[in-house]
PDB file of N, CA and C in Angstrom:
ATOM      1  N   MET A   1     134.078  59.740  91.683  1.00  0.00           N
ATOM      2  CA  MET A   1     133.072  59.742  92.044  1.00  0.00           C
ATOM      3  C   MET A   1     132.251  60.183  90.329  1.00  0.00           C
ATOM      4  N   LYS A   2     133.134  61.222  89.938  1.00  0.00           N
ATOM      5  CA  LYS A   2     132.677  61.736  88.987  1.00  0.00           C
ATOM      6  C   LYS A   2     133.257  60.289  87.592  1.00  0.00           C
ATOM      7  N   LYS A   3     134.151  59.317  88.153  1.00  0.00           N
ATOM      8  CA  LYS A   3     133.764  58.799  86.831  1.00  0.00           C
ATOM      9  C   LYS A   3     132.553  57.742  86.806  1.00  0.00           C
ATOM     10  N   PHE A   4     131.936  57.422  88.049  1.00  0.00           N
ATOM     11  CA  PHE A   4     130.919  56.826  88.734  1.00  0.00           C
ATOM     12  C   PHE A   4     129.436  56.684  88.182  1.00  0.00           C
ATOM     13  N   CYS A   5     129.611  58.943  88.086  1.00  0.00           N
ATOM     14  CA  CYS A   5     127.885  59.592  87.362  1.00  0.00           C
ATOM     15  C   CYS A   5     128.720  59.481  86.348  1.00  0.00           C
ATOM     16  N   SER A   6     129.197  59.300  85.218  1.00  0.00           N
ATOM     17  CA  SER A   6     129.365  59.212  84.410  1.00  0.00           C
ATOM     18  C   SER A   6     129.004  57.887  83.258  1.00  0.00           C
ATOM     19  N   GLU A   7     129.622  56.841  84.436  1.00  0.00           N
ATOM     20  CA  GLU A   7     129.670  55.673  83.667  1.00  0.00           C
ATOM     21  C   GLU A   7     127.551  54.956  83.823  1.00  0.00           C
ATOM     22  N   LEU A   8     126.889  56.101  85.182  1.00  0.00           N
ATOM     23  CA  LEU A   8     125.701  55.368  85.340  1.00  0.00           C
ATOM     24  C   LEU A   8     124.666  56.234  84.405  1.00  0.00           C
ATOM     25  N   SER A   9     125.239  57.273  83.554  1.00  0.00           N
ATOM     26  CA  SER A   9     124.944  58.988  82.235  1.00  0.00           C
ATOM     27  C   SER A   9     125.086  57.262  81.857  1.00  0.00           C
ATOM     28  N   CYS A  10     125.699  56.973  81.552  1.00  0.00           N
ATOM     29  CA  CYS A  10     125.391  55.787  79.929  1.00  0.00           C
ATOM     30  C   CYS A  10     125.495  54.684  80.224  1.00  0.00           C
ATOM     31  N   LEU A  11     124.584  54.515  81.311  1.00  0.00           N
ATOM     32  CA  LEU A  11     123.958  52.993  81.510  1.00  0.00           C
ATOM     33  C   LEU A  11     122.665  53.706  81.454  1.00  0.00           C
ATOM     34  N   LEU A  12     122.547  54.390  81.694  1.00  0.00           N
ATOM     35  CA  LEU A  12     120.763  54.921  81.962  1.00  0.00           C
ATOM     36  C   LEU A  12     120.525  55.049  80.236  1.00  0.00           C
ATOM     37  N   GLU A  13     121.463  56.129  78.890  1.00  0.00           N
ATOM     38  CA  GLU A  13     120.831  56.261  77.891  1.00  0.00           C
ATOM     39  C   GLU A  13     121.062  56.028  77.043  1.00  0.00           C
ATOM     40  N   SER A  14     121.045  54.493  77.720  1.00  0.00           N
ATOM     41  CA  SER A  14     121.889  53.105  76.369  1.00  0.00           C
ATOM     42  C   SER A  14     120.017  51.918  75.907  1.00  0.00           C
ATOM     43  N   GLU A  15     120.045  51.963  75.397  1.00  0.00           N
ATOM     44  CA  GLU A  15     118.694  51.405  74.437  1.00  0.00           C
ATOM     45  C   GLU A  15     118.608  49.512  75.902  1.00  0.00           C
ATOM     46  N   ALA A  16     119.864  49.556  75.512  1.00  0.00           N
ATOM     47  CA  ALA A  16     119.636  47.984  76.333  1.00  0.00           C
ATOM     48  C   ALA A  16     118.975  48.754  77.849  1.00  0.00           C
ATOM     49  N   PHE A  17     118.593  49.724  78.914  1.00  0.00           N
ATOM     50  CA  PHE A  17     118.443  49.478  79.567  1.00  0.00           C
ATOM     51  C   PHE A  17     117.453  50.868  79.416  1.00  0.00           C
ATOM     52  N   LYS A  18     117.216  51.509  78.312  1.00  0.00           N
ATOM     53  CA  LYS A  18     116.523  52.367  78.459  1.00  0.00           C
ATOM     54  C   LYS A  18     114.787  50.895  77.214  1.00  0.00           C
ATOM     55  N   CYS A  19     115.010  49.771  77.173  1.00  0.00           N
ATOM     56  CA  CYS A  19     113.527  49.059  76.813  1.00  0.00           C
ATOM     57  C   CYS A  19     113.990  47.819  78.511  1.00  0.00           C
ATOM     58  N   PHE A  20     114.726  47.700  79.427  1.00  0.00           N
ATOM     59  CA  PHE A  20     114.597  47.400  80.979  1.00  0.00           C
ATOM     60  C   PHE A  20     113.954  48.627  81.373  1.00  0.00           C
ATOM     61  N   LEU A  21     114.078  49.103  81.149  1.00  0.00           N
ATOM     62  CA  LEU A  21     112.855  50.889  81.958  1.00  0.00           C
ATOM     63  C   LEU A  21     111.113  50.491  81.517  1.00  0.00           C
ATOM     64  N   ASN A  22     111.536  50.866  79.847  1.00  0.00           N
ATOM     65  CA  ASN A  22     110.537  50.992  79.724  1.00  0.00           C
ATOM     66  C   ASN A  22     108.622  49.623  78.806  1.00  0.00           C
ATOM     67  N   SER A  23     109.894  48.148  78.808  1.00  0.00           N
ATOM     68  CA  SER A  23     108.986  47.340  78.312  1.00  0.00           C
ATOM     69  C   SER A  23     108.368  46.354  80.321  1.00  0.00           C
ATOM     70  N   ASP A  24     107.744  45.772  79.432  1.00  0.00           N
ATOM     71  CA  ASP A  24     107.226  44.654  80.309  1.00  0.00           C
ATOM     72  C   ASP A  24     107.121  43.674  79.496  1.00  0.00           C
ATOM     73  N   ASN A  25     108.349  43.316  77.908  1.00  0.00           N
ATOM     74  CA  ASN A  25     108.204  41.710  77.619  1.00  0.00           C
ATOM     75  C   ASN A  25     109.696  42.139  77.521  1.00  0.00           C
ATOM     76  N   LEU A  26     110.582  41.062  78.108  1.00  0.00           N
ATOM     77  CA  LEU A  26     112.482  41.569  77.149  1.00  0.00           C
ATOM     78  C   LEU A  26     112.520  40.411  76.860  1.00  0.00           C
ATOM     79  N   HIS A  27     112.674  40.206  75.317  1.00  0.00           N
ATOM     80  CA  HIS A  27     113.754  38.778  74.741  1.00  0.00           C
ATOM     81  C   HIS A  27     114.851  38.274  75.653  1.00  0.00           C
ATOM     82  N   LEU A  28     114.996  37.515  75.491  1.00  0.00           N
ATOM     83  CA  LEU A  28     116.591  37.208  76.313  1.00  0.00           C
ATOM     84  C   LEU A  28     118.085  37.729  76.203  1.00  0.00           C
ATOM     85  N   ALA A  29     117.758  38.434  74.539  1.00  0.00           N
ATOM     86  CA  ALA A  29     118.918  39.600  73.901  1.00  0.00           C
ATOM     87  C   ALA A  29     118.729  40.433  75.012  1.00  0.00           C
ATOM     88  N   GLN A  30     118.508  41.078  75.396  1.00  0.00           N
ATOM     89  CA  GLN A  30     117.915  42.684  75.868  1.00  0.00           C
ATOM     90  C   GLN A  30     118.423  42.258  77.337  1.00  0.00           C
ATOM     91  N   VAL A  31     118.087  40.285  77.911  1.00  0.00           N
ATOM     92  CA  VAL A  31     118.724  40.238  78.924  1.00  0.00           C
ATOM     93  C   VAL A  31     119.900  40.153  79.406  1.00  0.00           C
ATOM     94  N   ASN A  32     120.326  39.242  78.625  1.00  0.00           N
ATOM     95  CA  ASN A  32     122.157  39.189  78.075  1.00  0.00           C
ATOM     96  C   ASN A  32     122.608  40.726  78.078  1.00  0.00           C
ATOM     97  N   ALA A  33     121.987  41.560  77.442  1.00  0.00           N
ATOM     98  CA  ALA A  33     123.220  42.870  76.576  1.00  0.00           C
ATOM     99  C   ALA A  33     123.271  43.751  78.733  1.00  0.00           C
ATOM    100  N   LEU A  34     121.918  43.968  78.489  1.00  0.00           N
ATOM    101  CA  LEU A  34     121.018  44.782  80.363  1.00  0.00           C
ATOM    102  C   LEU A  34     122.450  43.917  81.160  1.00  0.00           C
ATOM    103  N   THR A  35     122.974  42.489  81.375  1.00  0.00           N
ATOM    104  CA  THR A  35     123.249  41.957  81.834  1.00  0.00           C
ATOM    105  C   THR A  35     124.529  43.065  81.944  1.00  0.00           C
ATOM    106  N   SER A  36     125.678  41.614  80.690  1.00  0.00           N
ATOM    107  CA  SER A  36     126.633  42.595  79.841  1.00  0.00           C
ATOM    108  C   SER A  36     127.295  43.959  80.482  1.00  0.00           C
ATOM    109  N   LEU A  37     126.235  45.005  80.324  1.00  0.00           N
ATOM    110  CA  LEU A  37     126.247  46.439  80.359  1.00  0.00           C
ATOM    111  C   LEU A  37     126.434  46.780  81.784  1.00  0.00           C
ATOM    112  N   LEU A  38     125.393  46.040  82.768  1.00  0.00           N
ATOM    113  CA  LEU A  38     125.727  46.203  84.072  1.00  0.00           C
ATOM    114  C   LEU A  38     127.293  46.117  84.726  1.00  0.00           C
ATOM    115  N   ILE A  39     127.647  44.200  84.313  1.00  0.00           N
ATOM    116  CA  ILE A  39     128.840  44.451  84.152  1.00  0.00           C
ATOM    117  C   ILE A  39     129.626  45.478  83.954  1.00  0.00           C
ATOM    118  N   LYS A  40     129.676  45.199  82.529  1.00  0.00           N
ATOM    119  CA  LYS A  40     130.787  46.411  81.890  1.00  0.00           C
ATOM    120  C   LYS A  40     131.143  47.092  83.757  1.00  0.00           C
ATOM    121  N   ASN A  41     130.536  47.975  83.318  1.00  0.00           N
ATOM    122  CA  ASN A  41     130.695  49.643  83.367  1.00  0.00           C
ATOM    123  C   ASN A  41     130.015  49.274  85.596  1.00  0.00           C
ATOM    124  N   ASN A  42     130.601  48.033  86.068  1.00  0.00           N
ATOM    125  CA  ASN A  42     130.865  47.329  87.704  1.00  0.00           C
ATOM    126  C   ASN A  42     129.582  48.204  87.759  1.00  0.00           C
ATOM    127  N   ILE A  43     128.274  47.936  87.303  1.00  0.00           N
ATOM    128  CA  ILE A  43     127.802  47.688  88.525  1.00  0.00           C
ATOM    129  C   ILE A  43     126.775  47.855  89.058  1.00  0.00           C
ATOM    130  N   ASP A  44     126.085  46.837  90.510  1.00  0.00           N
ATOM    131  CA  ASP A  44     125.117  45.789  91.371  1.00  0.00           C
ATOM    132  C   ASP A  44     124.525  46.139  90.814  1.00  0.00           C
ATOM    133  N   PHE A  45     124.331  44.965  90.967  1.00  0.00           N
ATOM    134  CA  PHE A  45     122.729  43.681  90.446  1.00  0.00           C
ATOM    135  C   PHE A  45     122.420  42.755  90.465  1.00  0.00           C
ATOM    136  N   ASP A  46     120.749  42.719  91.246  1.00  0.00           N
ATOM    137  CA  ASP A  46     120.377  41.159  90.702  1.00  0.00           C
ATOM    138  C   ASP A  46     119.416  41.284  90.160  1.00  0.00           C
ATOM    139  N   THR A  47     119.819  39.322  89.291  1.00  0.00           N
ATOM    140  CA  THR A  47     118.651  39.202  89.206  1.00  0.00           C
ATOM    141  C   THR A  47     118.186  37.311  89.867  1.00  0.00           C
ATOM    142  N   VAL A  48     117.036  37.201  89.883  1.00  0.00           N
ATOM    143  CA  VAL A  48     116.417  35.856  89.974  1.00  0.00           C
ATOM    144  C   VAL A  48     115.257  36.054  89.888  1.00  0.00           C
ATOM    145  N   PHE A  49     115.211  34.670  89.060  1.00  0.00           N
ATOM    146  CA  PHE A  49     114.206  33.537  88.339  1.00  0.00           C
ATOM    147  C   PHE A  49     113.836  32.961  88.859  1.00  0.00           C
ATOM    148  N   THR A  50     111.933  32.200  88.405  1.00  0.00           N
ATOM    149  CA  THR A  50     111.569  32.418  89.845  1.00  0.00           C
ATOM    150  C   THR A  50     110.778  30.837  88.103  1.00  0.00           C
ATOM    151  N   SER A  51     111.067  29.929  88.598  1.00  0.00           N
ATOM    152  CA  SER A  51     110.485  28.838  87.716  1.00  0.00           C
ATOM    153  C   SER A  51     108.770  29.037  87.191  1.00  0.00           C
ATOM    154  N   LYS A  52     108.609  28.145  86.220  1.00  0.00           N
ATOM    155  CA  LYS A  52     106.196  28.154  86.087  1.00  0.00           C
ATOM    156  C   LYS A  52     106.812  27.773  86.669  1.00  0.00           C
ATOM    157  N   SER A  53     105.443  27.329  87.726  1.00  0.00           N
ATOM    158  CA  SER A  53     104.891  25.916  88.517  1.00  0.00           C
ATOM    159  C   SER A  53     102.911  26.143  87.814  1.00  0.00           C
ATOM    160  N   PRO A  54     102.317  25.389  87.720  1.00  0.00           N
ATOM    161  CA  PRO A  54     100.978  25.038  87.772  1.00  0.00           C
ATOM    162  C   PRO A  54      99.809  26.531  88.409  1.00  0.00           C
ATOM    163  N   ARG A  55     100.285  26.719  89.553  1.00  0.00           N
ATOM    164  CA  ARG A  55      99.851  28.118  90.180  1.00  0.00           C
ATOM    165  C   ARG A  55     100.811  29.093  88.979  1.00  0.00           C
ATOM    166  N   SER A  56     101.532  29.319  88.987  1.00  0.00           N
ATOM    167  CA  SER A  56     101.930  30.525  88.838  1.00  0.00           C
ATOM    168  C   SER A  56     102.882  30.437  87.412  1.00  0.00           C
ATOM    169  N   PRO A  57     103.033  31.578  86.755  1.00  0.00           N
ATOM    170  CA  PRO A  57     103.929  31.959  85.537  1.00  0.00           C
ATOM    171  C   PRO A  57     104.795  32.432  85.915  1.00  0.00           C
ATOM    172  N   ALA A  58     106.470  31.638  84.800  1.00  0.00           N
ATOM    173  CA  ALA A  58     107.707  32.623  85.566  1.00  0.00           C
ATOM    174  C   ALA A  58     107.687  33.844  85.717  1.00  0.00           C
ATOM    175  N   ILE A  59     108.261  34.411  86.291  1.00  0.00           N
ATOM    176  CA  ILE A  59     108.813  35.350  86.758  1.00  0.00           C
ATOM    177  C   ILE A  59     110.617  36.140  86.664  1.00  0.00           C
ATOM    178  N   LEU A  60     111.298  36.901  86.308  1.00  0.00           N
ATOM    179  CA  LEU A  60     112.591  37.251  86.292  1.00  0.00           C
ATOM    180  C   LEU A  60     112.067  38.477  87.132  1.00  0.00           C
ATOM    181  N   THR A  61     112.678  38.953  88.184  1.00  0.00           N
ATOM    182  CA  THR A  61     112.772  40.080  88.484  1.00  0.00           C
ATOM    183  C   THR A  61     114.282  40.879  88.483  1.00  0.00           C
ATOM    184  N   VAL A  62     114.910  41.285  87.964  1.00  0.00           N
ATOM    185  CA  VAL A  62     116.208  42.482  87.865  1.00  0.00           C
ATOM    186  C   VAL A  62     116.305  43.858  88.947  1.00  0.00           C
ATOM    187  N   THR A  63     117.118  43.957  89.775  1.00  0.00           N
ATOM    188  CA  THR A  63     117.610  45.112  90.442  1.00  0.00           C
ATOM    189  C   THR A  63     118.624  45.429  90.251  1.00  0.00           C
ATOM    190  N   VAL A  64     119.044  46.622  89.805  1.00  0.00           N
ATOM    191  CA  VAL A  64     119.968  47.342  89.518  1.00  0.00           C
ATOM    192  C   VAL A  64     120.547  48.725  91.172  1.00  0.00           C
ATOM    193  N   VAL A  65     121.372  48.550  91.519  1.00  0.00           N
ATOM    194  CA  VAL A  65     121.819  49.239  92.453  1.00  0.00           C
ATOM    195  C   VAL A  65     122.534  50.325  92.777  1.00  0.00           C
ATOM    196  N   ILE A  66     121.865  51.740  92.375  1.00  0.00           N
ATOM    197  CA  ILE A  66     122.091  52.950  92.236  1.00  0.00           C
ATOM    198  C   ILE A  66     123.362  53.701  93.443  1.00  0.00           C
ATOM    199  N   ASN A  67     123.066  53.496  94.539  1.00  0.00           N
ATOM    200  CA  ASN A  67     123.810  53.183  95.714  1.00  0.00           C
ATOM    201  C   ASN A  67     122.967  52.736  97.303  1.00  0.00           C
ATOM    202  N   PRO A  68     123.899  53.136  98.266  1.00  0.00           N
ATOM    203  CA  PRO A  68     123.077  51.871  99.276  1.00  0.00           C
ATOM    204  C   PRO A  68     121.233  52.379  99.061  1.00  0.00           C
ATOM    205  N   LEU A  69     120.832  53.471  98.876  1.00  0.00           N
ATOM    206  CA  LEU A  69     119.855  53.994  99.547  1.00  0.00           C
ATOM    207  C   LEU A  69     118.611  53.576  97.947  1.00  0.00           C
ATOM    208  N   THR A  70     119.551  53.703  96.245  1.00  0.00           N
ATOM    209  CA  THR A  70     118.302  53.858  95.247  1.00  0.00           C
ATOM    210  C   THR A  70     118.456  52.331  95.169  1.00  0.00           C
ATOM    211  N   ARG A  71     117.033  51.677  94.415  1.00  0.00           N
ATOM    212  CA  ARG A  71     117.670  50.996  93.793  1.00  0.00           C
ATOM    213  C   ARG A  71     116.873  50.757  92.517  1.00  0.00           C
ATOM    214  N   ILE A  72     116.840  50.413  91.182  1.00  0.00           N
ATOM    215  CA  ILE A  72     115.536  49.992  90.191  1.00  0.00           C
ATOM    216  C   ILE A  72     115.320  48.974  90.115  1.00  0.00           C
ATOM    217  N   THR A  73     113.164  48.775  90.413  1.00  0.00           N
ATOM    218  CA  THR A  73     114.194  46.735  90.393  1.00  0.00           C
ATOM    219  C   THR A  73     112.241  46.510  89.232  1.00  0.00           C
ATOM    220  N   ARG A  74     112.421  46.036  88.188  1.00  0.00           N
ATOM    221  CA  ARG A  74     111.626  45.656  87.126  1.00  0.00           C
ATOM    222  C   ARG A  74     111.003  43.867  87.976  1.00  0.00           C
ATOM    223  N   ILE A  75     109.772  43.030  87.607  1.00  0.00           N
ATOM    224  CA  ILE A  75     109.598  42.389  88.161  1.00  0.00           C
ATOM    225  C   ILE A  75     108.374  41.836  85.836  1.00  0.00           C
ATOM    226  N   PHE A  76     109.782  41.127  85.592  1.00  0.00           N
ATOM    227  CA  PHE A  76     108.531  40.503  83.859  1.00  0.00           C
ATOM    228  C   PHE A  76     108.072  38.874  84.481  1.00  0.00           C
ATOM    229  N   THR A  77     106.997  39.486  84.262  1.00  0.00           N
ATOM    230  CA  THR A  77     106.381  37.429  84.273  1.00  0.00           C
ATOM    231  C   THR A  77     106.138  37.230  82.128  1.00  0.00           C
ATOM    232  N   PHE A  78     106.703  36.058  82.492  1.00  0.00           N
ATOM    233  CA  PHE A  78     106.601  35.591  81.061  1.00  0.00           C
ATOM    234  C   PHE A  78     105.244  34.566  81.387  1.00  0.00           C
ATOM    235  N   SER A  79     104.431  34.130  79.684  1.00  0.00           N
ATOM    236  CA  SER A  79     103.278  33.271  79.356  1.00  0.00           C
ATOM    237  C   SER A  79     103.896  32.956  78.490  1.00  0.00           C
ATOM    238  N   ASP A  80     102.979  30.874  78.145  1.00  0.00           N
ATOM    239  CA  ASP A  80     102.830  30.610  77.250  1.00  0.00           C
ATOM    240  C   ASP A  80     103.140  31.067  75.997  1.00  0.00           C
TER     241      ASP A  80
END
């Protein structure tokens, strides 16, 4: 458990995760950095991309699983 807490602390302090939490706009490079960081630290996450349609913009939903009861979900909307 101590190792997981250390990895979680490292993740929360990373620049990619701070951008993830504090921004409504992410660049593709930041999404890739966040994905790499989550995989490297063996942290469960889901990403769902919904493409643009005539009625709605493209949406990226990222959910980071901290533990079975705690999740962090952010929704990013892409506009033209």
